Amino acid sequence: MTVAVTGGAGFIGSHLVDTLLHDGQEVIVIDDLSFGNKLNINKKASFLLKDIRDDLSNVLKDVDTVFHFAADGDVRRSTTNPIDSFDINVRGTINLLESCRKYNISNILFASSSAVYGEPASIPTTESSQCHPVSNYGAAKLACESYLSSFSNLYGIRTSSIRFANIFGERCTKGVMHDIFHKLKKNPKYLQIMGNGKQMKSYLYIADAISATMKIWDSKSACKYSVYNVGSSSTKTVDELASSICAYLSVSPEMQYAGDGVGWIGDIGTMHLDTKKIEALGWKQQFDFETGLKNYLDYLQDKLSDNSLE
């Protein structure tokens, strides 16, 4: 079977490509490398340097399933450049969906985000909760979900939206863990934390995010359009993350907080997803937070060491 992965040079997408290839699938990676890294692309995959807003004629003609993981995922940048965020995330998705319709693609899985909920009214947050995005990024993801739903119902394409929590692990080049680690490597005596440190969120290790994606793909849901939360059973505050990273690096910095609440405009103070729906498919989180964090920090440490030798 031939599958396509948009954003297959990115963090989550590249890990998905590795798993698909390991399972014996033929994989086409579609990525313009604006956010991804060519070094992340598995050499066993076919690679097409394409923007999802480009003409995708003939690219998908022999494809059965599309994993749509390409996006501009920078919440802060979506605040200052809302048109760009919309153009890449929404127009790019509609362009891809139209190409899938033309070539009778039977299945599309979309990497959505917990950002669609905004500040949720209930915690843990279920898939049936109302969505009130507080960022342009979240609004774009929700718009994309709406188009997946309409294309599914109008054209019979089976589609799934995967609302990821904060995913972390090897190849991740952004986020609070990445930020804190590099700040401390630069100055182990001082750490500025964005917000008040009390922001509490769900963090899921990359291997569990990929196993969840594969479980959704393998499921035989009767629904044309499905939505799944994918996150951790536990939550961590930013203060707890900082404490764990400080312990790993054996440092005790002076802490300073930049803000009273959230870390930046469009950030969400509390996020914990209810995952009972995907657990009903047979998925189970395999990596506890501490193991995943150590794996990630080991990776960041090794990467710094490799760069110092160049």
C-alpha atoms as a PDB file:
ATOM      1  CA  MET A   1       0.000   0.000   0.000  1.00  0.00           C
ATOM      2  CA  THR A   2       1.230   3.518  -0.837  1.00  0.00           C
ATOM      3  CA  VAL A   3       0.590   6.300   1.657  1.00  0.00           C
ATOM      4  CA  ALA A   4       1.539   9.982   1.620  1.00  0.00           C
ATOM      5  CA  VAL A   5       2.665  12.032   4.601  1.00  0.00           C
ATOM      6  CA  THR A   6       2.557  15.802   4.279  1.00  0.00           C
ATOM      7  CA  GLY A   7       5.021  17.408   6.648  1.00  0.00           C
ATOM      8  CA  GLY A   8       7.010  14.174   6.656  1.00  0.00           C
ATOM      9  CA  ALA A   9      10.235  16.099   7.309  1.00  0.00           C
ATOM     10  CA  GLY A  10       8.824  17.605  10.481  1.00  0.00           C
ATOM     11  CA  PHE A  11       8.939  16.405  14.070  1.00  0.00           C
ATOM     12  CA  ILE A  12       5.816  14.233  14.336  1.00  0.00           C
ATOM     13  CA  GLY A  13       5.554  13.531  10.611  1.00  0.00           C
ATOM     14  CA  SER A  14       9.064  12.086  10.308  1.00  0.00           C
ATOM     15  CA  HIS A  15       8.485   9.677  13.205  1.00  0.00           C
ATOM     16  CA  LEU A  16       5.243   8.605  11.551  1.00  0.00           C
ATOM     17  CA  VAL A  17       7.110   7.963   8.283  1.00  0.00           C
ATOM     18  CA  ASP A  18       9.630   5.760  10.108  1.00  0.00           C
ATOM     19  CA  THR A  19       6.833   3.673  11.621  1.00  0.00           C
ATOM     20  CA  LEU A  20       4.926   3.330   8.349  1.00  0.00           C
ATOM     21  CA  LEU A  21       8.059   2.141   6.555  1.00  0.00           C
ATOM     22  CA  HIS A  22       8.852  -0.296   9.354  1.00  0.00           C
ATOM     23  CA  ASP A  23       5.356  -1.726   8.916  1.00  0.00           C
ATOM     24  CA  GLY A  24       5.986  -2.348   5.220  1.00  0.00           C
ATOM     25  CA  GLN A  25       4.170   0.606   3.647  1.00  0.00           C
ATOM     26  CA  GLU A  26       5.443   2.520   0.637  1.00  0.00           C
ATOM     27  CA  VAL A  27       5.659   6.147   1.747  1.00  0.00           C
ATOM     28  CA  ILE A  28       5.699   9.424  -0.179  1.00  0.00           C
ATOM     29  CA  VAL A  29       6.874  12.410   1.866  1.00  0.00           C
ATOM     30  CA  ILE A  30       5.487  15.788   0.737  1.00  0.00           C
ATOM     31  CA  ASP A  31       7.288  18.700   2.391  1.00  0.00           C
ATOM     32  CA  ASP A  32       8.580  22.119   1.329  1.00  0.00           C
ATOM     33  CA  LEU A  33      11.171  22.117   4.161  1.00  0.00           C
ATOM     34  CA  SER A  34      10.020  25.528   5.426  1.00  0.00           C
ATOM     35  CA  PHE A  35       9.540  24.037   8.895  1.00  0.00           C
ATOM     36  CA  GLY A  36      10.896  20.516   8.474  1.00  0.00           C
ATOM     37  CA  ASN A  37      14.454  19.247   8.121  1.00  0.00           C
ATOM     38  CA  LYS A  38      15.607  17.105   5.216  1.00  0.00           C
ATOM     39  CA  LEU A  39      17.831  15.177   7.633  1.00  0.00           C
ATOM     40  CA  ASN A  40      14.651  13.872   9.309  1.00  0.00           C
ATOM     41  CA  ILE A  41      13.431  12.143   6.142  1.00  0.00           C
ATOM     42  CA  ASN A  42      13.863   8.382   6.077  1.00  0.00           C
ATOM     43  CA  LYS A  43      15.934   7.437   3.038  1.00  0.00           C
ATOM     44  CA  LYS A  44      13.562   4.581   2.255  1.00  0.00           C
ATOM     45  CA  ALA A  45      10.747   7.053   1.569  1.00  0.00           C
ATOM     46  CA  SER A  46      10.126   8.880  -1.698  1.00  0.00           C
ATOM     47  CA  PHE A  47      10.526  12.616  -1.209  1.00  0.00           C
ATOM     48  CA  LEU A  48       8.741  15.395  -3.094  1.00  0.00           C
ATOM     49  CA  LEU A  49       9.728  19.004  -2.404  1.00  0.00           C
ATOM     50  CA  LYS A  50       6.233  20.461  -2.528  1.00  0.00           C
ATOM     51  CA  ASP A  51       4.215  23.106  -0.720  1.00  0.00           C
ATOM     52  CA  ILE A  52       0.703  21.838   0.112  1.00  0.00           C
ATOM     53  CA  ARG A  53      -0.617  24.960  -1.635  1.00  0.00           C
ATOM     54  CA  ASP A  54       1.073  23.866  -4.880  1.00  0.00           C
ATOM     55  CA  ASP A  55      -0.502  21.907  -7.700  1.00  0.00           C
ATOM     56  CA  LEU A  56      -0.540  18.328  -6.434  1.00  0.00           C
ATOM     57  CA  SER A  57      -1.738  16.842  -9.707  1.00  0.00           C
ATOM     58  CA  ASN A  58      -0.412  13.317 -10.222  1.00  0.00           C
ATOM     59  CA  VAL A  59       1.348  13.322  -6.845  1.00  0.00           C
ATOM     60  CA  LEU A  60      -1.498  11.409  -5.176  1.00  0.00           C
ATOM     61  CA  LYS A  61      -2.766   9.302  -8.055  1.00  0.00           C
ATOM     62  CA  ASP A  62      -1.608   5.950  -6.618  1.00  0.00           C
ATOM     63  CA  VAL A  63      -2.072   6.804  -2.942  1.00  0.00           C
ATOM     64  CA  ASP A  64      -4.577   5.088  -0.657  1.00  0.00           C
ATOM     65  CA  THR A  65      -4.190   7.126   2.552  1.00  0.00           C
ATOM     66  CA  VAL A  66      -2.936  10.644   3.251  1.00  0.00           C
ATOM     67  CA  PHE A  67      -1.578  11.621   6.654  1.00  0.00           C
ATOM     68  CA  HIS A  68      -1.840  15.402   6.638  1.00  0.00           C
ATOM     69  CA  PHE A  69       0.743  16.640   9.138  1.00  0.00           C
ATOM     70  CA  ALA A  70       2.056  19.713   7.294  1.00  0.00           C
ATOM     71  CA  ALA A  71       1.341  23.018   9.042  1.00  0.00           C
ATOM     72  CA  ASP A  72       2.669  26.280  10.357  1.00  0.00           C
ATOM     73  CA  GLY A  73       2.476  25.266  14.002  1.00  0.00           C
ATOM     74  CA  ASP A  74       3.829  28.436  15.605  1.00  0.00           C
ATOM     75  CA  VAL A  75       1.055  29.836  17.821  1.00  0.00           C
ATOM     76  CA  ARG A  76       2.945  33.076  18.477  1.00  0.00           C
ATOM     77  CA  ARG A  77       3.679  33.675  14.811  1.00  0.00           C
ATOM     78  CA  SER A  78      -0.004  33.142  13.980  1.00  0.00           C
ATOM     79  CA  THR A  79      -0.743  36.101  16.265  1.00  0.00           C
ATOM     80  CA  THR A  80       1.461  38.511  14.312  1.00  0.00           C
ATOM     81  CA  ASN A  81       0.898  36.921  10.873  1.00  0.00           C
ATOM     82  CA  PRO A  82      -2.709  35.660  10.838  1.00  0.00           C
ATOM     83  CA  ILE A  83      -2.992  35.788   7.033  1.00  0.00           C
ATOM     84  CA  ASP A  84       0.089  33.615   6.581  1.00  0.00           C
ATOM     85  CA  SER A  85      -1.182  31.167   9.184  1.00  0.00           C
ATOM     86  CA  PHE A  86      -4.543  30.933   7.429  1.00  0.00           C
ATOM     87  CA  ASP A  87      -2.969  30.605   3.996  1.00  0.00           C
ATOM     88  CA  ILE A  88      -0.650  27.752   4.933  1.00  0.00           C
ATOM     89  CA  ASN A  89      -2.927  25.881   7.287  1.00  0.00           C
ATOM     90  CA  VAL A  90      -6.411  26.391   5.846  1.00  0.00           C
ATOM     91  CA  ARG A  91      -5.897  27.097   2.141  1.00  0.00           C
ATOM     92  CA  GLY A  92      -3.188  24.450   2.042  1.00  0.00           C
ATOM     93  CA  THR A  93      -5.538  21.917   3.594  1.00  0.00           C
ATOM     94  CA  ILE A  94      -8.384  22.705   1.188  1.00  0.00           C
ATOM     95  CA  ASN A  95      -5.979  22.384  -1.728  1.00  0.00           C
ATOM     96  CA  LEU A  96      -4.859  18.985  -0.446  1.00  0.00           C
ATOM     97  CA  LEU A  97      -8.436  17.839   0.160  1.00  0.00           C
ATOM     98  CA  GLU A  98      -9.424  18.803  -3.367  1.00  0.00           C
ATOM     99  CA  SER A  99      -6.524  16.790  -4.768  1.00  0.00           C
ATOM    100  CA  CYS A 100      -7.602  13.844  -2.621  1.00  0.00           C
ATOM    101  CA  ARG A 101     -11.146  14.153  -3.978  1.00  0.00           C
ATOM    102  CA  LYS A 102      -9.921  14.182  -7.589  1.00  0.00           C
ATOM    103  CA  TYR A 103      -7.861  11.046  -7.074  1.00  0.00           C
ATOM    104  CA  ASN A 104     -10.437   9.200  -4.969  1.00  0.00           C
ATOM    105  CA  ILE A 105      -8.267   8.978  -1.875  1.00  0.00           C
ATOM    106  CA  SER A 106     -10.196   6.790   0.549  1.00  0.00           C
ATOM    107  CA  ASN A 107      -8.721   7.881   3.875  1.00  0.00           C
ATOM    108  CA  ILE A 108      -7.253  11.081   5.359  1.00  0.00           C
ATOM    109  CA  LEU A 109      -5.858  11.524   8.878  1.00  0.00           C
ATOM    110  CA  PHE A 110      -5.300  15.106   9.970  1.00  0.00           C
ATOM    111  CA  ALA A 111      -2.961  16.342  12.702  1.00  0.00           C
ATOM    112  CA  SER A 112      -5.165  18.773  14.607  1.00  0.00           C
ATOM    113  CA  SER A 113      -4.494  20.263  18.024  1.00  0.00           C
ATOM    114  CA  SER A 114      -5.883  20.722  21.513  1.00  0.00           C
ATOM    115  CA  ALA A 115      -5.669  24.441  20.634  1.00  0.00           C
ATOM    116  CA  VAL A 116      -9.102  24.125  18.987  1.00  0.00           C
ATOM    117  CA  TYR A 117     -10.711  24.034  22.454  1.00  0.00           C
ATOM    118  CA  GLY A 118      -9.247  27.305  23.695  1.00  0.00           C
ATOM    119  CA  GLU A 119      -9.711  27.637  27.455  1.00  0.00           C
ATOM    120  CA  PRO A 120     -12.031  24.656  28.012  1.00  0.00           C
ATOM    121  CA  ALA A 121     -14.997  24.814  30.347  1.00  0.00           C
ATOM    122  CA  SER A 122     -14.304  21.340  31.753  1.00  0.00           C
ATOM    123  CA  ILE A 123     -11.128  19.387  32.574  1.00  0.00           C
ATOM    124  CA  PRO A 124     -10.360  16.739  31.362  1.00  0.00           C
ATOM    125  CA  THR A 125     -11.760  17.919  28.046  1.00  0.00           C
ATOM    126  CA  THR A 126     -13.725  15.486  25.861  1.00  0.00           C
ATOM    127  CA  GLU A 127     -14.108  15.532  22.098  1.00  0.00           C
ATOM    128  CA  SER A 128     -17.704  16.730  22.491  1.00  0.00           C
ATOM    129  CA  SER A 129     -16.652  19.871  24.361  1.00  0.00           C
ATOM    130  CA  GLN A 130     -17.323  23.199  22.677  1.00  0.00           C
ATOM    131  CA  CYS A 131     -14.439  24.694  20.725  1.00  0.00           C
ATOM    132  CA  HIS A 132     -13.624  28.365  21.301  1.00  0.00           C
ATOM    133  CA  PRO A 133     -10.052  28.911  20.048  1.00  0.00           C
ATOM    134  CA  VAL A 134      -8.062  31.711  21.662  1.00  0.00           C
ATOM    135  CA  SER A 135      -5.321  31.702  19.005  1.00  0.00           C
ATOM    136  CA  ASN A 136      -5.303  32.105  15.235  1.00  0.00           C
ATOM    137  CA  TYR A 137      -3.477  28.784  15.034  1.00  0.00           C
ATOM    138  CA  GLY A 138      -6.295  27.074  16.928  1.00  0.00           C
ATOM    139  CA  ALA A 139      -8.889  28.774  14.736  1.00  0.00           C
ATOM    140  CA  ALA A 140      -7.091  27.566  11.598  1.00  0.00           C
ATOM    141  CA  LYS A 141      -6.985  23.987  12.884  1.00  0.00           C
ATOM    142  CA  LEU A 142     -10.701  24.105  13.699  1.00  0.00           C
ATOM    143  CA  ALA A 143     -11.470  25.445  10.216  1.00  0.00           C
ATOM    144  CA  CYS A 144      -9.495  22.577   8.726  1.00  0.00           C
ATOM    145  CA  GLU A 145     -11.479  20.103  10.821  1.00  0.00           C
ATOM    146  CA  SER A 146     -14.695  21.587   9.462  1.00  0.00           C
ATOM    147  CA  TYR A 147     -13.528  21.069   5.890  1.00  0.00           C
ATOM    148  CA  LEU A 148     -12.538  17.483   6.647  1.00  0.00           C
ATOM    149  CA  SER A 149     -16.053  16.915   7.960  1.00  0.00           C
ATOM    150  CA  SER A 150     -17.702  18.482   4.901  1.00  0.00           C
ATOM    151  CA  PHE A 151     -15.465  16.666   2.393  1.00  0.00           C
ATOM    152  CA  SER A 152     -16.149  13.412   4.206  1.00  0.00           C
ATOM    153  CA  ASN A 153     -19.900  13.842   4.051  1.00  0.00           C
ATOM    154  CA  LEU A 154     -20.027  15.270   0.521  1.00  0.00           C
ATOM    155  CA  TYR A 155     -17.562  12.956  -1.193  1.00  0.00           C
ATOM    156  CA  GLY A 156     -17.448   9.840   0.966  1.00  0.00           C
ATOM    157  CA  ILE A 157     -13.834  10.212   2.070  1.00  0.00           C
ATOM    158  CA  ARG A 158     -13.131   8.666   5.479  1.00  0.00           C
ATOM    159  CA  THR A 159     -11.433  11.368   7.548  1.00  0.00           C
ATOM    160  CA  SER A 160     -10.134  11.647  11.100  1.00  0.00           C
ATOM    161  CA  SER A 161      -8.982  14.656  13.098  1.00  0.00           C
ATOM    162  CA  ILE A 162      -6.378  13.878  15.741  1.00  0.00           C
ATOM    163  CA  ARG A 163      -6.360  16.537  18.447  1.00  0.00           C
ATOM    164  CA  PHE A 164      -2.843  16.228  19.820  1.00  0.00           C
ATOM    165  CA  ALA A 165      -1.837  17.519  23.226  1.00  0.00           C
ATOM    166  CA  ASN A 166       1.738  18.811  23.661  1.00  0.00           C
ATOM    167  CA  ILE A 167       3.907  16.204  21.942  1.00  0.00           C
ATOM    168  CA  PHE A 168       7.613  16.055  22.775  1.00  0.00           C
ATOM    169  CA  GLY A 169      10.609  13.890  21.993  1.00  0.00           C
ATOM    170  CA  GLU A 170      13.527  13.427  19.640  1.00  0.00           C
ATOM    171  CA  ARG A 171      13.621  15.867  16.676  1.00  0.00           C
ATOM    172  CA  CYS A 172      11.380  18.372  18.479  1.00  0.00           C
ATOM    173  CA  THR A 173      12.903  21.837  18.008  1.00  0.00           C
ATOM    174  CA  LYS A 174      10.442  24.040  19.868  1.00  0.00           C
ATOM    175  CA  GLY A 175       8.254  24.114  22.951  1.00  0.00           C
ATOM    176  CA  VAL A 176       8.755  24.790  26.644  1.00  0.00           C
ATOM    177  CA  MET A 177      11.120  21.854  27.287  1.00  0.00           C
ATOM    178  CA  HIS A 178      13.354  22.795  24.362  1.00  0.00           C
ATOM    179  CA  ASP A 179      13.290  26.431  25.485  1.00  0.00           C
ATOM    180  CA  ILE A 180      14.161  25.738  29.130  1.00  0.00           C
ATOM    181  CA  PHE A 181      16.932  23.276  28.258  1.00  0.00           C
ATOM    182  CA  HIS A 182      18.707  25.703  25.932  1.00  0.00           C
ATOM    183  CA  LYS A 183      18.284  28.653  28.299  1.00  0.00           C
ATOM    184  CA  LEU A 184      19.947  26.664  31.067  1.00  0.00           C
ATOM    185  CA  LYS A 185      22.766  25.478  28.826  1.00  0.00           C
ATOM    186  CA  LYS A 186      23.425  29.103  27.942  1.00  0.00           C
ATOM    187  CA  ASN A 187      23.233  30.329  31.542  1.00  0.00           C
ATOM    188  CA  PRO A 188      22.857  27.673  34.278  1.00  0.00           C
ATOM    189  CA  LYS A 189      22.575  30.315  37.005  1.00  0.00           C
ATOM    190  CA  TYR A 190      19.433  32.076  35.733  1.00  0.00           C
ATOM    191  CA  LEU A 191      16.160  30.957  34.175  1.00  0.00           C
ATOM    192  CA  GLN A 192      13.342  33.147  32.916  1.00  0.00           C
ATOM    193  CA  ILE A 193      10.032  31.310  32.669  1.00  0.00           C
ATOM    194  CA  MET A 194       7.303  32.619  30.395  1.00  0.00           C
ATOM    195  CA  GLY A 195       4.123  33.155  32.412  1.00  0.00           C
ATOM    196  CA  ASN A 196       3.780  32.406  36.123  1.00  0.00           C
ATOM    197  CA  GLY A 197       4.968  28.811  35.978  1.00  0.00           C
ATOM    198  CA  LYS A 198       1.548  27.498  37.008  1.00  0.00           C
ATOM    199  CA  GLN A 199       0.391  26.709  33.472  1.00  0.00           C
ATOM    200  CA  MET A 200      -0.676  23.059  33.592  1.00  0.00           C
ATOM    201  CA  LYS A 201      -0.773  20.870  30.495  1.00  0.00           C
ATOM    202  CA  SER A 202      -0.663  17.353  29.171  1.00  0.00           C
ATOM    203  CA  TYR A 203       2.649  16.246  27.615  1.00  0.00           C
ATOM    204  CA  LEU A 204       2.841  13.035  25.568  1.00  0.00           C
ATOM    205  CA  TYR A 205       5.999  11.333  24.331  1.00  0.00           C
ATOM    206  CA  ILE A 206       6.351  11.038  20.551  1.00  0.00           C
ATOM    207  CA  ALA A 207       6.280   7.221  20.420  1.00  0.00           C
ATOM    208  CA  ASP A 208       2.859   7.227  22.093  1.00  0.00           C
ATOM    209  CA  ALA A 209       1.583   9.907  19.701  1.00  0.00           C
ATOM    210  CA  ILE A 210       2.606   7.726  16.747  1.00  0.00           C
ATOM    211  CA  SER A 211       1.085   4.555  18.178  1.00  0.00           C
ATOM    212  CA  ALA A 212      -2.172   6.475  18.688  1.00  0.00           C
ATOM    213  CA  THR A 213      -2.103   7.666  15.080  1.00  0.00           C
ATOM    214  CA  MET A 214      -1.570   4.123  13.836  1.00  0.00           C
ATOM    215  CA  LYS A 215      -4.377   2.842  16.057  1.00  0.00           C
ATOM    216  CA  ILE A 216      -6.780   5.405  14.575  1.00  0.00           C
ATOM    217  CA  TRP A 217      -5.719   4.425  11.054  1.00  0.00           C
ATOM    218  CA  ASP A 218      -6.232   0.728  11.812  1.00  0.00           C
ATOM    219  CA  SER A 219      -9.623   1.262  13.415  1.00  0.00           C
ATOM    220  CA  LYS A 220     -12.733   0.253  11.522  1.00  0.00           C
ATOM    221  CA  SER A 221     -15.023   3.050  12.623  1.00  0.00           C
ATOM    222  CA  ALA A 222     -18.344   3.226  10.818  1.00  0.00           C
ATOM    223  CA  CYS A 223     -18.212   7.032  10.978  1.00  0.00           C
ATOM    224  CA  LYS A 224     -17.149   8.920   7.877  1.00  0.00           C
ATOM    225  CA  TYR A 225     -15.642  11.627  10.071  1.00  0.00           C
ATOM    226  CA  SER A 226     -14.125  11.030  13.492  1.00  0.00           C
ATOM    227  CA  VAL A 227     -12.357  13.151  16.111  1.00  0.00           C
ATOM    228  CA  TYR A 228      -9.922  11.792  18.674  1.00  0.00           C
ATOM    229  CA  ASN A 229      -8.063  13.386  21.565  1.00  0.00           C
ATOM    230  CA  VAL A 230      -4.485  12.145  21.918  1.00  0.00           C
ATOM    231  CA  GLY A 231      -2.723  13.115  25.121  1.00  0.00           C
ATOM    232  CA  SER A 232      -1.265  11.937  28.396  1.00  0.00           C
ATOM    233  CA  SER A 233      -3.107  10.660  31.439  1.00  0.00           C
ATOM    234  CA  SER A 234      -1.209  13.147  33.618  1.00  0.00           C
ATOM    235  CA  THR A 235      -0.390  16.848  33.589  1.00  0.00           C
ATOM    236  CA  LYS A 236       2.670  18.910  34.488  1.00  0.00           C
ATOM    237  CA  THR A 237       3.080  22.562  35.365  1.00  0.00           C
ATOM    238  CA  VAL A 238       5.828  24.628  33.780  1.00  0.00           C
ATOM    239  CA  ASP A 239       7.449  24.871  37.218  1.00  0.00           C
ATOM    240  CA  GLU A 240       7.522  21.060  37.411  1.00  0.00           C
ATOM    241  CA  LEU A 241       9.056  20.839  33.936  1.00  0.00           C
ATOM    242  CA  ALA A 242      11.715  23.367  34.910  1.00  0.00           C
ATOM    243  CA  SER A 243      12.475  21.470  38.118  1.00  0.00           C
ATOM    244  CA  SER A 244      12.908  18.185  36.228  1.00  0.00           C
ATOM    245  CA  ILE A 245      15.188  19.747  33.624  1.00  0.00           C
ATOM    246  CA  CYS A 246      17.254  21.495  36.313  1.00  0.00           C
ATOM    247  CA  ALA A 247      17.686  18.150  38.088  1.00  0.00           C
ATOM    248  CA  TYR A 248      18.777  16.500  34.849  1.00  0.00           C
ATOM    249  CA  LEU A 249      21.391  19.211  34.268  1.00  0.00           C
ATOM    250  CA  SER A 250      22.349  19.384  37.973  1.00  0.00           C
ATOM    251  CA  VAL A 251      21.804  23.142  38.156  1.00  0.00           C
ATOM    252  CA  SER A 252      19.987  25.418  40.621  1.00  0.00           C
ATOM    253  CA  PRO A 253      19.280  28.673  38.796  1.00  0.00           C
ATOM    254  CA  GLU A 254      17.636  31.830  40.048  1.00  0.00           C
ATOM    255  CA  MET A 255      14.067  31.807  38.725  1.00  0.00           C
ATOM    256  CA  GLN A 256      12.299  34.809  37.236  1.00  0.00           C
ATOM    257  CA  TYR A 257       8.774  34.853  35.829  1.00  0.00           C
ATOM    258  CA  ALA A 258       7.781  36.914  32.794  1.00  0.00           C
ATOM    259  CA  GLY A 259       4.040  37.356  33.225  1.00  0.00           C
ATOM    260  CA  ASP A 260       1.165  36.728  35.608  1.00  0.00           C
ATOM    261  CA  GLY A 261      -0.639  33.996  33.693  1.00  0.00           C
ATOM    262  CA  VAL A 262      -0.089  32.388  30.308  1.00  0.00           C
ATOM    263  CA  GLY A 263       3.281  32.508  28.582  1.00  0.00           C
ATOM    264  CA  TRP A 264       2.217  34.483  25.504  1.00  0.00           C
ATOM    265  CA  ILE A 265      -0.835  35.764  23.658  1.00  0.00           C
ATOM    266  CA  GLY A 266      -2.829  32.784  22.426  1.00  0.00           C
ATOM    267  CA  ASP A 267      -1.353  30.407  25.001  1.00  0.00           C
ATOM    268  CA  ILE A 268      -3.685  28.229  27.081  1.00  0.00           C
ATOM    269  CA  GLY A 269      -3.268  28.120  30.849  1.00  0.00           C
ATOM    270  CA  THR A 270      -4.724  24.656  31.486  1.00  0.00           C
ATOM    271  CA  MET A 271      -5.040  21.755  29.074  1.00  0.00           C
ATOM    272  CA  HIS A 272      -5.774  18.129  29.900  1.00  0.00           C
ATOM    273  CA  LEU A 273      -7.476  15.974  27.290  1.00  0.00           C
ATOM    274  CA  ASP A 274      -9.856  13.139  28.035  1.00  0.00           C
ATOM    275  CA  THR A 275      -8.571  10.130  26.050  1.00  0.00           C
ATOM    276  CA  LYS A 276     -11.259   7.538  26.809  1.00  0.00           C
ATOM    277  CA  LYS A 277     -12.402   7.504  23.174  1.00  0.00           C
ATOM    278  CA  ILE A 278      -9.078   6.411  21.711  1.00  0.00           C
ATOM    279  CA  GLU A 279      -8.442   4.096  24.652  1.00  0.00           C
ATOM    280  CA  ALA A 280     -11.676   2.327  23.650  1.00  0.00           C
ATOM    281  CA  LEU A 281      -9.928   1.463  20.372  1.00  0.00           C
ATOM    282  CA  GLY A 282      -7.255  -0.384  22.352  1.00  0.00           C
ATOM    283  CA  TRP A 283      -4.624   2.348  22.560  1.00  0.00           C
ATOM    284  CA  LYS A 284      -2.691   2.729  25.783  1.00  0.00           C
ATOM    285  CA  GLN A 285       0.040   5.156  26.760  1.00  0.00           C
ATOM    286  CA  GLN A 286       3.294   3.164  27.062  1.00  0.00           C
ATOM    287  CA  PHE A 287       5.846   5.783  28.127  1.00  0.00           C
ATOM    288  CA  ASP A 288       5.614   7.578  31.447  1.00  0.00           C
ATOM    289  CA  PHE A 289       6.562  11.236  31.474  1.00  0.00           C
ATOM    290  CA  GLU A 290       9.900  10.764  33.228  1.00  0.00           C
ATOM    291  CA  THR A 291      11.131   8.183  30.712  1.00  0.00           C
ATOM    292  CA  GLY A 292      10.055  10.280  27.754  1.00  0.00           C
ATOM    293  CA  LEU A 293      11.636  13.416  29.207  1.00  0.00           C
ATOM    294  CA  LYS A 294      14.971  11.667  29.813  1.00  0.00           C
ATOM    295  CA  ASN A 295      14.976  10.342  26.248  1.00  0.00           C
ATOM    296  CA  TYR A 296      14.331  13.828  24.917  1.00  0.00           C
ATOM    297  CA  LEU A 297      16.912  15.549  27.106  1.00  0.00           C
ATOM    298  CA  ASP A 298      19.509  12.905  26.198  1.00  0.00           C
ATOM    299  CA  TYR A 299      18.769  13.687  22.558  1.00  0.00           C
ATOM    300  CA  LEU A 300      19.157  17.452  23.085  1.00  0.00           C
ATOM    301  CA  GLN A 301      22.382  16.898  24.993  1.00  0.00           C
ATOM    302  CA  ASP A 302      23.804  14.654  22.265  1.00  0.00           C
ATOM    303  CA  LYS A 303      22.800  17.149  19.601  1.00  0.00           C
ATOM    304  CA  LEU A 304      24.631  19.951  21.392  1.00  0.00           C
ATOM    305  CA  SER A 305      27.714  17.744  21.681  1.00  0.00           C
ATOM    306  CA  ASP A 306      27.591  16.882  17.978  1.00  0.00           C
ATOM    307  CA  ASN A 307      27.298  20.572  17.031  1.00  0.00           C
ATOM    308  CA  SER A 308      30.261  21.478  19.234  1.00  0.00           C
ATOM    309  CA  LEU A 309      32.441  19.138  17.167  1.00  0.00           C
ATOM    310  CA  GLU A 310      31.585  20.804  13.866  1.00  0.00           C
END
